[in-house]
């Protein structure tokens, strides 16, 4: 038996196939132990399988890099637990932390139990998905499940992307099911949603706390999706947000989430959503992070300057709406 296992382990290593269980990822493990174990497995790259059925506790974010497939088997659940403090993402791509593109990533069969753990964002300002990607190319999310979204976090959140496929998802709870920021070439298909907030959000322009960057969402297909009925609801089946902004000017009035172009970058006001208005007298010029000027917390959003954000060339077909709410809502905001 040991000889056979040795042969199988050798085969796994040579083919790029890894079973997370061999690194200690187990239904019997603590959340801290499982976070460390799954991270070690994912760091191998290739295909990582979680085949043993059960509920796996997770006490922190697992970071996935390029050329990686993470395949969760049947009856496998990932449950967020608070063993060392609240955390935001179950899975986040490594390049999100440095704005470096990761590519060729597949997440298959992920079934998240949020377990009441709600933290809107941490590593990346404005990125708040249970499953999140920022700066990614060639990403496929397949057979994703989450039935207990809380009030602050989206199910799937992807921003600054190219070539995205989201196929076969069931998402229920209190916040957005699938929330996209800027990106191009995407498909969302075979989805079942029962969310208090938006089922799908195409938010090219958004609150500063709900997308880390601004720009166009384009060339997409949304098909065969079901918006189930629910007793309480707000939002829409699909929210579409567009916007525009201008160069910084001395004496301009700004408030939470307003964007300006300055010093070859886009800056946004990062403040409490309490309606407070500020007069900006000092031009923001810092190159990263945030800085308080005239009582205004200016955050650097991105280096590639654009003055507009919107949604274009998106096809909807075979959409089944059971919930009595407005199916599509398009809003454009402009800062003069």
C-alpha atoms as a PDB file:
ATOM      1  CA  UNK A   1       0.000   0.000   0.000  1.00  0.00           C
ATOM      2  CA  UNK A   2       2.801   2.460   0.879  1.00  0.00           C
ATOM      3  CA  UNK A   3       4.496   1.695  -2.411  1.00  0.00           C
ATOM      4  CA  UNK A   4       1.269   2.387  -4.308  1.00  0.00           C
ATOM      5  CA  UNK A   5       0.772   5.684  -2.445  1.00  0.00           C
ATOM      6  CA  UNK A   6       4.336   6.655  -3.274  1.00  0.00           C
ATOM      7  CA  UNK A   7       3.713   5.981  -6.940  1.00  0.00           C
ATOM      8  CA  UNK A   8       0.492   8.013  -6.845  1.00  0.00           C
ATOM      9  CA  UNK A   9       2.207  10.943  -5.103  1.00  0.00           C
ATOM     10  CA  UNK A  10       4.978  10.869  -7.669  1.00  0.00           C
ATOM     11  CA  UNK A  11       2.407  10.827 -10.471  1.00  0.00           C
ATOM     12  CA  UNK A  12       0.633  13.824  -8.894  1.00  0.00           C
ATOM     13  CA  UNK A  13       3.846  15.830  -8.746  1.00  0.00           C
ATOM     14  CA  UNK A  14       4.889  15.089 -12.327  1.00  0.00           C
ATOM     15  CA  UNK A  15       1.461  15.908 -13.763  1.00  0.00           C
ATOM     16  CA  UNK A  16       0.934  19.112 -11.793  1.00  0.00           C
ATOM     17  CA  UNK A  17      -1.956  17.582  -9.823  1.00  0.00           C
ATOM     18  CA  UNK A  18      -2.069  18.210  -6.072  1.00  0.00           C
ATOM     19  CA  UNK A  19      -4.525  16.971  -3.468  1.00  0.00           C
ATOM     20  CA  UNK A  20      -4.882  19.612  -0.768  1.00  0.00           C
ATOM     21  CA  UNK A  21      -5.397  16.857   1.820  1.00  0.00           C
ATOM     22  CA  UNK A  22      -1.714  15.894   1.554  1.00  0.00           C
ATOM     23  CA  UNK A  23      -0.855  19.383   2.874  1.00  0.00           C
ATOM     24  CA  UNK A  24      -3.148  19.015   5.879  1.00  0.00           C
ATOM     25  CA  UNK A  25      -6.300  20.654   4.499  1.00  0.00           C
ATOM     26  CA  UNK A  26      -8.973  18.680   6.303  1.00  0.00           C
ATOM     27  CA  UNK A  27     -12.542  18.848   7.665  1.00  0.00           C
ATOM     28  CA  UNK A  28     -11.024  18.039  11.047  1.00  0.00           C
ATOM     29  CA  UNK A  29      -8.574  20.954  10.958  1.00  0.00           C
ATOM     30  CA  UNK A  30      -9.006  24.345  12.592  1.00  0.00           C
ATOM     31  CA  UNK A  31      -9.570  27.439  10.493  1.00  0.00           C
ATOM     32  CA  UNK A  32      -6.011  28.611  11.039  1.00  0.00           C
ATOM     33  CA  UNK A  33      -4.536  25.205  10.190  1.00  0.00           C
ATOM     34  CA  UNK A  34      -6.645  24.901   7.059  1.00  0.00           C
ATOM     35  CA  UNK A  35      -5.748  28.390   5.835  1.00  0.00           C
ATOM     36  CA  UNK A  36      -2.050  27.576   6.084  1.00  0.00           C
ATOM     37  CA  UNK A  37      -2.510  24.145   4.504  1.00  0.00           C
ATOM     38  CA  UNK A  38      -4.608  25.294   1.549  1.00  0.00           C
ATOM     39  CA  UNK A  39      -2.202  28.155   0.866  1.00  0.00           C
ATOM     40  CA  UNK A  40       0.707  25.710   0.717  1.00  0.00           C
ATOM     41  CA  UNK A  41      -1.229  23.532  -1.717  1.00  0.00           C
ATOM     42  CA  UNK A  42      -2.268  26.466  -3.922  1.00  0.00           C
ATOM     43  CA  UNK A  43       1.316  27.740  -4.033  1.00  0.00           C
ATOM     44  CA  UNK A  44       2.237  24.580  -5.975  1.00  0.00           C
ATOM     45  CA  UNK A  45       0.275  25.814  -8.973  1.00  0.00           C
ATOM     46  CA  UNK A  46      -1.252  23.430 -11.485  1.00  0.00           C
ATOM     47  CA  UNK A  47      -4.445  21.664 -10.437  1.00  0.00           C
ATOM     48  CA  UNK A  48      -5.287  21.507  -6.736  1.00  0.00           C
ATOM     49  CA  UNK A  49      -8.136  19.203  -5.751  1.00  0.00           C
ATOM     50  CA  UNK A  50     -10.184  19.135  -2.565  1.00  0.00           C
ATOM     51  CA  UNK A  51     -11.802  15.745  -2.911  1.00  0.00           C
ATOM     52  CA  UNK A  52     -12.773  14.640   0.595  1.00  0.00           C
ATOM     53  CA  UNK A  53     -16.335  15.660   1.390  1.00  0.00           C
ATOM     54  CA  UNK A  54     -17.040  17.724   4.498  1.00  0.00           C
ATOM     55  CA  UNK A  55     -17.057  21.255   5.894  1.00  0.00           C
ATOM     56  CA  UNK A  56     -13.641  22.917   5.971  1.00  0.00           C
ATOM     57  CA  UNK A  57     -13.112  25.818   8.347  1.00  0.00           C
ATOM     58  CA  UNK A  58     -11.130  28.767   6.992  1.00  0.00           C
ATOM     59  CA  UNK A  59      -9.827  31.617   9.162  1.00  0.00           C
ATOM     60  CA  UNK A  60      -8.135  33.753   6.525  1.00  0.00           C
ATOM     61  CA  UNK A  61      -7.805  34.574   2.848  1.00  0.00           C
ATOM     62  CA  UNK A  62      -6.129  32.134   0.453  1.00  0.00           C
ATOM     63  CA  UNK A  63      -4.159  33.805  -2.354  1.00  0.00           C
ATOM     64  CA  UNK A  64      -4.087  32.151  -5.773  1.00  0.00           C
ATOM     65  CA  UNK A  65      -1.612  32.876  -8.568  1.00  0.00           C
ATOM     66  CA  UNK A  66      -1.384  32.311 -12.315  1.00  0.00           C
ATOM     67  CA  UNK A  67      -1.807  28.948 -14.041  1.00  0.00           C
ATOM     68  CA  UNK A  68      -3.811  27.461 -11.189  1.00  0.00           C
ATOM     69  CA  UNK A  69      -6.997  25.416 -11.060  1.00  0.00           C
ATOM     70  CA  UNK A  70      -8.682  24.971  -7.678  1.00  0.00           C
ATOM     71  CA  UNK A  71     -11.228  22.158  -7.905  1.00  0.00           C
ATOM     72  CA  UNK A  72     -13.599  21.504  -4.999  1.00  0.00           C
ATOM     73  CA  UNK A  73     -15.380  18.146  -5.084  1.00  0.00           C
ATOM     74  CA  UNK A  74     -18.990  17.279  -4.360  1.00  0.00           C
ATOM     75  CA  UNK A  75     -20.272  17.937  -0.835  1.00  0.00           C
ATOM     76  CA  UNK A  76     -17.292  20.136   0.013  1.00  0.00           C
ATOM     77  CA  UNK A  77     -18.076  23.359   1.900  1.00  0.00           C
ATOM     78  CA  UNK A  78     -15.727  26.182   2.899  1.00  0.00           C
ATOM     79  CA  UNK A  79     -16.897  27.877   6.095  1.00  0.00           C
ATOM     80  CA  UNK A  80     -15.505  31.207   7.229  1.00  0.00           C
ATOM     81  CA  UNK A  81     -14.622  31.227  10.940  1.00  0.00           C
ATOM     82  CA  UNK A  82     -13.352  33.928  13.243  1.00  0.00           C
ATOM     83  CA  UNK A  83     -10.313  32.402  14.913  1.00  0.00           C
ATOM     84  CA  UNK A  84      -7.946  35.350  14.530  1.00  0.00           C
ATOM     85  CA  UNK A  85     -10.218  38.219  13.511  1.00  0.00           C
ATOM     86  CA  UNK A  86     -12.586  39.089  10.672  1.00  0.00           C
ATOM     87  CA  UNK A  87     -11.346  38.786   7.110  1.00  0.00           C
ATOM     88  CA  UNK A  88     -12.825  39.728   3.759  1.00  0.00           C
ATOM     89  CA  UNK A  89     -12.074  37.294   0.953  1.00  0.00           C
ATOM     90  CA  UNK A  90     -12.144  33.518   0.947  1.00  0.00           C
ATOM     91  CA  UNK A  91     -10.011  33.562  -2.214  1.00  0.00           C
ATOM     92  CA  UNK A  92      -8.133  36.504  -3.747  1.00  0.00           C
ATOM     93  CA  UNK A  93      -5.614  36.519  -6.576  1.00  0.00           C
ATOM     94  CA  UNK A  94      -2.041  37.366  -5.585  1.00  0.00           C
ATOM     95  CA  UNK A  95      -1.645  40.132  -8.165  1.00  0.00           C
ATOM     96  CA  UNK A  96      -4.492  42.102  -6.612  1.00  0.00           C
ATOM     97  CA  UNK A  97      -2.085  43.315  -3.930  1.00  0.00           C
ATOM     98  CA  UNK A  98       0.401  44.787  -6.425  1.00  0.00           C
ATOM     99  CA  UNK A  99      -1.857  45.517  -9.426  1.00  0.00           C
ATOM    100  CA  UNK A 100      -0.038  42.824 -11.392  1.00  0.00           C
ATOM    101  CA  UNK A 101      -2.047  40.670 -13.768  1.00  0.00           C
ATOM    102  CA  UNK A 102      -2.581  37.014 -12.911  1.00  0.00           C
ATOM    103  CA  UNK A 103      -3.811  34.768 -15.704  1.00  0.00           C
ATOM    104  CA  UNK A 104      -5.189  31.328 -16.483  1.00  0.00           C
ATOM    105  CA  UNK A 105      -7.081  30.690 -13.229  1.00  0.00           C
ATOM    106  CA  UNK A 106     -10.018  28.301 -12.738  1.00  0.00           C
ATOM    107  CA  UNK A 107     -12.130  28.104  -9.564  1.00  0.00           C
ATOM    108  CA  UNK A 108     -14.507  25.152  -9.740  1.00  0.00           C
ATOM    109  CA  UNK A 109     -17.090  23.875  -7.266  1.00  0.00           C
ATOM    110  CA  UNK A 110     -16.474  26.475  -4.533  1.00  0.00           C
ATOM    111  CA  UNK A 111     -19.308  26.424  -1.981  1.00  0.00           C
ATOM    112  CA  UNK A 112     -18.902  29.186   0.617  1.00  0.00           C
ATOM    113  CA  UNK A 113     -20.650  29.347   3.973  1.00  0.00           C
ATOM    114  CA  UNK A 114     -20.243  32.970   5.053  1.00  0.00           C
ATOM    115  CA  UNK A 115     -21.281  32.113   8.609  1.00  0.00           C
ATOM    116  CA  UNK A 116     -22.118  35.732   9.454  1.00  0.00           C
ATOM    117  CA  UNK A 117     -18.520  36.942   8.952  1.00  0.00           C
ATOM    118  CA  UNK A 118     -18.784  40.286   7.182  1.00  0.00           C
ATOM    119  CA  UNK A 119     -15.865  42.640   6.479  1.00  0.00           C
ATOM    120  CA  UNK A 120     -16.405  44.904   3.463  1.00  0.00           C
ATOM    121  CA  UNK A 121     -12.762  45.235   2.376  1.00  0.00           C
ATOM    122  CA  UNK A 122      -9.264  45.019   3.759  1.00  0.00           C
ATOM    123  CA  UNK A 123      -6.311  44.357   1.422  1.00  0.00           C
ATOM    124  CA  UNK A 124      -7.685  46.386  -1.503  1.00  0.00           C
ATOM    125  CA  UNK A 125      -9.855  49.464  -0.881  1.00  0.00           C
ATOM    126  CA  UNK A 126     -13.223  48.895  -2.537  1.00  0.00           C
ATOM    127  CA  UNK A 127     -12.800  45.169  -3.271  1.00  0.00           C
ATOM    128  CA  UNK A 128     -15.393  43.301  -1.246  1.00  0.00           C
ATOM    129  CA  UNK A 129     -16.201  39.914  -2.773  1.00  0.00           C
ATOM    130  CA  UNK A 130     -16.235  36.650  -0.861  1.00  0.00           C
ATOM    131  CA  UNK A 131     -14.545  35.419  -4.026  1.00  0.00           C
ATOM    132  CA  UNK A 132     -12.555  38.307  -5.483  1.00  0.00           C
ATOM    133  CA  UNK A 133     -10.185  39.046  -8.339  1.00  0.00           C
ATOM    134  CA  UNK A 134      -8.464  42.301  -9.258  1.00  0.00           C
ATOM    135  CA  UNK A 135      -6.082  42.501 -12.235  1.00  0.00           C
ATOM    136  CA  UNK A 136      -6.790  39.148 -13.837  1.00  0.00           C
ATOM    137  CA  UNK A 137      -6.897  37.665 -17.333  1.00  0.00           C
ATOM    138  CA  UNK A 138      -8.435  34.389 -18.523  1.00  0.00           C
ATOM    139  CA  UNK A 139     -10.476  33.604 -15.401  1.00  0.00           C
ATOM    140  CA  UNK A 140     -13.185  30.942 -15.168  1.00  0.00           C
ATOM    141  CA  UNK A 141     -15.502  30.500 -12.173  1.00  0.00           C
ATOM    142  CA  UNK A 142     -17.664  27.410 -12.442  1.00  0.00           C
ATOM    143  CA  UNK A 143     -20.279  25.781 -10.173  1.00  0.00           C
ATOM    144  CA  UNK A 144     -20.057  28.453  -7.452  1.00  0.00           C
ATOM    145  CA  UNK A 145     -22.491  28.349  -4.526  1.00  0.00           C
ATOM    146  CA  UNK A 146     -23.231  30.744  -1.662  1.00  0.00           C
ATOM    147  CA  UNK A 147     -26.567  30.836   0.156  1.00  0.00           C
ATOM    148  CA  UNK A 148     -25.928  33.221   3.054  1.00  0.00           C
ATOM    149  CA  UNK A 149     -24.479  36.489   1.776  1.00  0.00           C
ATOM    150  CA  UNK A 150     -24.455  39.143   4.470  1.00  0.00           C
ATOM    151  CA  UNK A 151     -25.126  42.884   4.178  1.00  0.00           C
ATOM    152  CA  UNK A 152     -21.647  44.157   3.292  1.00  0.00           C
ATOM    153  CA  UNK A 153     -19.991  41.726   0.878  1.00  0.00           C
ATOM    154  CA  UNK A 154     -20.695  40.607  -2.678  1.00  0.00           C
ATOM    155  CA  UNK A 155     -20.655  36.955  -3.700  1.00  0.00           C
ATOM    156  CA  UNK A 156     -18.263  37.323  -6.667  1.00  0.00           C
ATOM    157  CA  UNK A 157     -16.382  40.572  -7.282  1.00  0.00           C
ATOM    158  CA  UNK A 158     -14.081  41.023 -10.301  1.00  0.00           C
ATOM    159  CA  UNK A 159     -12.490  44.307 -11.384  1.00  0.00           C
ATOM    160  CA  UNK A 160      -9.897  45.185 -14.049  1.00  0.00           C
ATOM    161  CA  UNK A 161     -10.156  41.979 -16.040  1.00  0.00           C
ATOM    162  CA  UNK A 162      -9.969  40.460 -19.491  1.00  0.00           C
ATOM    163  CA  UNK A 163     -11.692  37.258 -20.616  1.00  0.00           C
ATOM    164  CA  UNK A 164     -13.964  36.221 -17.765  1.00  0.00           C
ATOM    165  CA  UNK A 165     -16.429  33.313 -17.681  1.00  0.00           C
ATOM    166  CA  UNK A 166     -18.846  32.799 -14.768  1.00  0.00           C
ATOM    167  CA  UNK A 167     -20.912  29.663 -15.357  1.00  0.00           C
ATOM    168  CA  UNK A 168     -23.383  27.749 -13.161  1.00  0.00           C
ATOM    169  CA  UNK A 169     -23.818  29.801  -9.981  1.00  0.00           C
ATOM    170  CA  UNK A 170     -26.417  29.866  -7.222  1.00  0.00           C
ATOM    171  CA  UNK A 171     -26.133  32.922  -4.983  1.00  0.00           C
ATOM    172  CA  UNK A 172     -28.561  33.967  -2.266  1.00  0.00           C
ATOM    173  CA  UNK A 173     -28.462  36.492   0.543  1.00  0.00           C
ATOM    174  CA  UNK A 174     -28.446  40.206   1.259  1.00  0.00           C
ATOM    175  CA  UNK A 175     -25.844  41.722  -1.089  1.00  0.00           C
ATOM    176  CA  UNK A 176     -24.901  41.678  -4.791  1.00  0.00           C
ATOM    177  CA  UNK A 177     -24.509  38.249  -6.353  1.00  0.00           C
ATOM    178  CA  UNK A 178     -22.028  39.038  -9.141  1.00  0.00           C
ATOM    179  CA  UNK A 179     -20.450  42.505  -9.089  1.00  0.00           C
ATOM    180  CA  UNK A 180     -18.158  43.607 -11.931  1.00  0.00           C
ATOM    181  CA  UNK A 181     -15.887  46.612 -12.231  1.00  0.00           C
ATOM    182  CA  UNK A 182     -14.023  47.644 -15.342  1.00  0.00           C
ATOM    183  CA  UNK A 183     -13.088  44.900 -17.801  1.00  0.00           C
ATOM    184  CA  UNK A 184     -13.729  43.411 -21.212  1.00  0.00           C
ATOM    185  CA  UNK A 185     -14.930  40.176 -22.767  1.00  0.00           C
ATOM    186  CA  UNK A 186     -17.072  38.365 -20.242  1.00  0.00           C
ATOM    187  CA  UNK A 187     -19.870  35.816 -19.971  1.00  0.00           C
ATOM    188  CA  UNK A 188     -22.249  35.237 -17.059  1.00  0.00           C
ATOM    189  CA  UNK A 189     -24.488  32.254 -17.695  1.00  0.00           C
ATOM    190  CA  UNK A 190     -26.666  29.683 -15.952  1.00  0.00           C
ATOM    191  CA  UNK A 191     -27.144  31.708 -12.782  1.00  0.00           C
ATOM    192  CA  UNK A 192     -29.795  31.484 -10.074  1.00  0.00           C
ATOM    193  CA  UNK A 193     -30.035  34.531  -7.812  1.00  0.00           C
ATOM    194  CA  UNK A 194     -32.122  35.383  -4.782  1.00  0.00           C
ATOM    195  CA  UNK A 195     -30.509  38.513  -3.391  1.00  0.00           C
ATOM    196  CA  UNK A 196     -31.857  41.428  -1.389  1.00  0.00           C
ATOM    197  CA  UNK A 197     -29.574  43.720  -3.390  1.00  0.00           C
ATOM    198  CA  UNK A 198     -28.606  43.440  -7.080  1.00  0.00           C
ATOM    199  CA  UNK A 199     -28.354  40.001  -8.635  1.00  0.00           C
ATOM    200  CA  UNK A 200     -25.789  41.299 -11.147  1.00  0.00           C
ATOM    201  CA  UNK A 201     -24.065  44.684 -10.993  1.00  0.00           C
ATOM    202  CA  UNK A 202     -22.185  46.132 -13.967  1.00  0.00           C
ATOM    203  CA  UNK A 203     -20.770  49.099 -12.105  1.00  0.00           C
ATOM    204  CA  UNK A 204     -18.243  50.868 -14.281  1.00  0.00           C
ATOM    205  CA  UNK A 205     -18.645  53.919 -12.033  1.00  0.00           C
ATOM    206  CA  UNK A 206     -19.364  53.117  -8.412  1.00  0.00           C
ATOM    207  CA  UNK A 207     -18.940  54.207  -4.823  1.00  0.00           C
ATOM    208  CA  UNK A 208     -15.273  54.343  -3.893  1.00  0.00           C
ATOM    209  CA  UNK A 209     -15.973  51.585  -1.376  1.00  0.00           C
ATOM    210  CA  UNK A 210     -17.470  49.245  -3.985  1.00  0.00           C
ATOM    211  CA  UNK A 211     -14.903  49.106  -6.787  1.00  0.00           C
ATOM    212  CA  UNK A 212     -11.140  49.689  -6.630  1.00  0.00           C
ATOM    213  CA  UNK A 213     -10.843  51.175 -10.141  1.00  0.00           C
ATOM    214  CA  UNK A 214     -12.944  52.987 -12.749  1.00  0.00           C
ATOM    215  CA  UNK A 215     -13.404  52.399 -16.471  1.00  0.00           C
ATOM    216  CA  UNK A 216     -15.463  50.657 -19.126  1.00  0.00           C
ATOM    217  CA  UNK A 217     -17.213  47.301 -18.892  1.00  0.00           C
ATOM    218  CA  UNK A 218     -17.628  46.023 -22.413  1.00  0.00           C
ATOM    219  CA  UNK A 219     -18.303  43.132 -24.770  1.00  0.00           C
ATOM    220  CA  UNK A 220     -20.267  40.773 -22.561  1.00  0.00           C
ATOM    221  CA  UNK A 221     -23.027  38.171 -22.600  1.00  0.00           C
ATOM    222  CA  UNK A 222     -25.481  37.491 -19.759  1.00  0.00           C
ATOM    223  CA  UNK A 223     -27.768  34.536 -20.458  1.00  0.00           C
ATOM    224  CA  UNK A 224     -30.009  31.904 -18.891  1.00  0.00           C
ATOM    225  CA  UNK A 225     -30.201  33.609 -15.500  1.00  0.00           C
ATOM    226  CA  UNK A 226     -33.038  33.409 -12.975  1.00  0.00           C
ATOM    227  CA  UNK A 227     -33.947  36.106 -10.452  1.00  0.00           C
ATOM    228  CA  UNK A 228     -36.021  34.271  -7.832  1.00  0.00           C
ATOM    229  CA  UNK A 229     -38.765  35.892  -5.831  1.00  0.00           C
ATOM    230  CA  UNK A 230     -38.160  37.001  -2.246  1.00  0.00           C
ATOM    231  CA  UNK A 231     -40.268  38.633   0.438  1.00  0.00           C
ATOM    232  CA  UNK A 232     -37.975  41.607   0.958  1.00  0.00           C
ATOM    233  CA  UNK A 233     -35.922  43.259  -1.752  1.00  0.00           C
ATOM    234  CA  UNK A 234     -34.083  46.341  -2.927  1.00  0.00           C
ATOM    235  CA  UNK A 235     -31.901  46.877  -5.964  1.00  0.00           C
ATOM    236  CA  UNK A 236     -32.414  45.313  -9.375  1.00  0.00           C
ATOM    237  CA  UNK A 237     -31.745  42.209 -11.392  1.00  0.00           C
ATOM    238  CA  UNK A 238     -28.990  44.157 -13.151  1.00  0.00           C
ATOM    239  CA  UNK A 239     -27.703  47.552 -12.042  1.00  0.00           C
ATOM    240  CA  UNK A 240     -25.700  49.432 -14.688  1.00  0.00           C
ATOM    241  CA  UNK A 241     -23.713  52.458 -13.550  1.00  0.00           C
ATOM    242  CA  UNK A 242     -21.820  54.939 -15.702  1.00  0.00           C
ATOM    243  CA  UNK A 243     -20.121  58.206 -14.879  1.00  0.00           C
ATOM    244  CA  UNK A 244     -17.668  60.934 -15.761  1.00  0.00           C
ATOM    245  CA  UNK A 245     -15.421  63.378 -13.946  1.00  0.00           C
ATOM    246  CA  UNK A 246     -13.028  66.207 -14.679  1.00  0.00           C
ATOM    247  CA  UNK A 247      -9.639  67.641 -13.774  1.00  0.00           C
ATOM    248  CA  UNK A 248      -9.050  68.888 -10.256  1.00  0.00           C
ATOM    249  CA  UNK A 249      -9.721  72.611  -9.824  1.00  0.00           C
ATOM    250  CA  UNK A 250      -8.877  74.757  -6.855  1.00  0.00           C
ATOM    251  CA  UNK A 251     -11.984  75.577  -4.825  1.00  0.00           C
ATOM    252  CA  UNK A 252     -14.057  72.718  -6.232  1.00  0.00           C
ATOM    253  CA  UNK A 253     -16.674  71.142  -3.964  1.00  0.00           C
ATOM    254  CA  UNK A 254     -16.361  67.390  -3.460  1.00  0.00           C
ATOM    255  CA  UNK A 255     -17.906  64.649  -1.360  1.00  0.00           C
ATOM    256  CA  UNK A 256     -17.581  60.916  -0.751  1.00  0.00           C
ATOM    257  CA  UNK A 257     -16.604  58.931  -3.897  1.00  0.00           C
ATOM    258  CA  UNK A 258     -16.058  61.973  -6.155  1.00  0.00           C
ATOM    259  CA  UNK A 259     -13.237  61.401  -8.649  1.00  0.00           C
ATOM    260  CA  UNK A 260     -10.795  63.888 -10.179  1.00  0.00           C
ATOM    261  CA  UNK A 261      -7.790  63.713 -12.488  1.00  0.00           C
ATOM    262  CA  UNK A 262      -4.594  65.230 -11.111  1.00  0.00           C
ATOM    263  CA  UNK A 263      -0.875  64.722 -11.659  1.00  0.00           C
ATOM    264  CA  UNK A 264      -1.548  62.050 -14.295  1.00  0.00           C
ATOM    265  CA  UNK A 265      -3.644  59.931 -11.942  1.00  0.00           C
ATOM    266  CA  UNK A 266      -7.237  59.454 -10.807  1.00  0.00           C
ATOM    267  CA  UNK A 267      -7.964  60.336  -7.178  1.00  0.00           C
ATOM    268  CA  UNK A 268     -11.166  59.712  -5.238  1.00  0.00           C
ATOM    269  CA  UNK A 269     -12.589  61.083  -2.026  1.00  0.00           C
ATOM    270  CA  UNK A 270     -12.551  58.301   0.563  1.00  0.00           C
ATOM    271  CA  UNK A 271     -14.840  59.435   3.363  1.00  0.00           C
ATOM    272  CA  UNK A 272     -17.904  58.441   5.341  1.00  0.00           C
ATOM    273  CA  UNK A 273     -21.120  58.346   3.269  1.00  0.00           C
ATOM    274  CA  UNK A 274     -22.750  61.048   5.381  1.00  0.00           C
ATOM    275  CA  UNK A 275     -23.289  63.694   2.696  1.00  0.00           C
ATOM    276  CA  UNK A 276     -20.525  65.978   3.982  1.00  0.00           C
ATOM    277  CA  UNK A 277     -19.238  68.360   1.304  1.00  0.00           C
ATOM    278  CA  UNK A 278     -15.679  69.672   1.249  1.00  0.00           C
ATOM    279  CA  UNK A 279     -13.887  72.518  -0.529  1.00  0.00           C
ATOM    280  CA  UNK A 280     -10.625  71.357  -2.093  1.00  0.00           C
ATOM    281  CA  UNK A 281      -7.877  73.983  -2.059  1.00  0.00           C
ATOM    282  CA  UNK A 282      -4.796  71.765  -2.273  1.00  0.00           C
ATOM    283  CA  UNK A 283      -4.097  69.685  -5.369  1.00  0.00           C
ATOM    284  CA  UNK A 284      -3.555  65.970  -4.670  1.00  0.00           C
ATOM    285  CA  UNK A 285      -0.210  64.812  -6.088  1.00  0.00           C
ATOM    286  CA  UNK A 286       0.839  61.818  -3.952  1.00  0.00           C
ATOM    287  CA  UNK A 287       1.673  58.732  -5.976  1.00  0.00           C
ATOM    288  CA  UNK A 288       0.123  55.963  -3.873  1.00  0.00           C
ATOM    289  CA  UNK A 289      -2.126  55.291  -0.904  1.00  0.00           C
ATOM    290  CA  UNK A 290      -4.163  58.098   0.596  1.00  0.00           C
ATOM    291  CA  UNK A 291      -3.421  61.559   1.984  1.00  0.00           C
ATOM    292  CA  UNK A 292      -5.561  64.068   3.862  1.00  0.00           C
ATOM    293  CA  UNK A 293      -5.585  67.555   2.314  1.00  0.00           C
ATOM    294  CA  UNK A 294      -7.935  70.296   3.518  1.00  0.00           C
ATOM    295  CA  UNK A 295      -9.700  67.652   5.593  1.00  0.00           C
ATOM    296  CA  UNK A 296     -10.298  65.523   2.479  1.00  0.00           C
ATOM    297  CA  UNK A 297      -8.960  61.988   2.342  1.00  0.00           C
ATOM    298  CA  UNK A 298      -7.770  61.588  -1.258  1.00  0.00           C
ATOM    299  CA  UNK A 299      -6.997  58.033  -2.372  1.00  0.00           C
ATOM    300  CA  UNK A 300      -4.996  57.165  -5.488  1.00  0.00           C
ATOM    301  CA  UNK A 301      -7.213  54.974  -7.667  1.00  0.00           C
ATOM    302  CA  UNK A 302      -5.233  54.331 -10.843  1.00  0.00           C
ATOM    303  CA  UNK A 303      -2.417  55.587 -13.045  1.00  0.00           C
ATOM    304  CA  UNK A 304      -4.106  55.140 -16.429  1.00  0.00           C
ATOM    305  CA  UNK A 305      -6.250  58.212 -16.833  1.00  0.00           C
ATOM    306  CA  UNK A 306      -9.767  58.110 -18.231  1.00  0.00           C
ATOM    307  CA  UNK A 307     -12.539  60.668 -17.815  1.00  0.00           C
ATOM    308  CA  UNK A 308     -15.478  58.355 -18.450  1.00  0.00           C
ATOM    309  CA  UNK A 309     -16.782  54.985 -17.327  1.00  0.00           C
ATOM    310  CA  UNK A 310     -19.702  53.055 -18.739  1.00  0.00           C
ATOM    311  CA  UNK A 311     -21.117  49.808 -20.067  1.00  0.00           C
ATOM    312  CA  UNK A 312     -21.330  48.918 -23.749  1.00  0.00           C
ATOM    313  CA  UNK A 313     -21.913  45.973 -26.070  1.00  0.00           C
ATOM    314  CA  UNK A 314     -23.565  43.672 -23.534  1.00  0.00           C
ATOM    315  CA  UNK A 315     -26.208  41.153 -24.649  1.00  0.00           C
ATOM    316  CA  UNK A 316     -28.949  39.848 -22.323  1.00  0.00           C
ATOM    317  CA  UNK A 317     -30.939  36.792 -23.365  1.00  0.00           C
ATOM    318  CA  UNK A 318     -33.118  34.153 -21.726  1.00  0.00           C
ATOM    319  CA  UNK A 319     -33.511  36.079 -18.461  1.00  0.00           C
ATOM    320  CA  UNK A 320     -36.258  34.805 -16.127  1.00  0.00           C
ATOM    321  CA  UNK A 321     -37.555  37.387 -13.646  1.00  0.00           C
ATOM    322  CA  UNK A 322     -39.735  36.162 -10.784  1.00  0.00           C
ATOM    323  CA  UNK A 323     -39.068  38.971  -8.346  1.00  0.00           C
ATOM    324  CA  UNK A 324     -41.439  41.994  -8.572  1.00  0.00           C
ATOM    325  CA  UNK A 325     -38.779  44.664  -8.930  1.00  0.00           C
ATOM    326  CA  UNK A 326     -37.306  46.786 -11.707  1.00  0.00           C
ATOM    327  CA  UNK A 327     -35.159  44.424 -13.772  1.00  0.00           C
ATOM    328  CA  UNK A 328     -32.634  46.917 -15.194  1.00  0.00           C
ATOM    329  CA  UNK A 329     -31.514  50.252 -13.795  1.00  0.00           C
ATOM    330  CA  UNK A 330     -29.111  52.538 -15.668  1.00  0.00           C
ATOM    331  CA  UNK A 331     -27.613  55.582 -13.959  1.00  0.00           C
ATOM    332  CA  UNK A 332     -25.024  58.110 -15.148  1.00  0.00           C
ATOM    333  CA  UNK A 333     -23.317  60.561 -12.802  1.00  0.00           C
ATOM    334  CA  UNK A 334     -21.082  63.440 -13.804  1.00  0.00           C
ATOM    335  CA  UNK A 335     -18.733  65.683 -11.819  1.00  0.00           C
ATOM    336  CA  UNK A 336     -18.188  69.077 -13.472  1.00  0.00           C
END
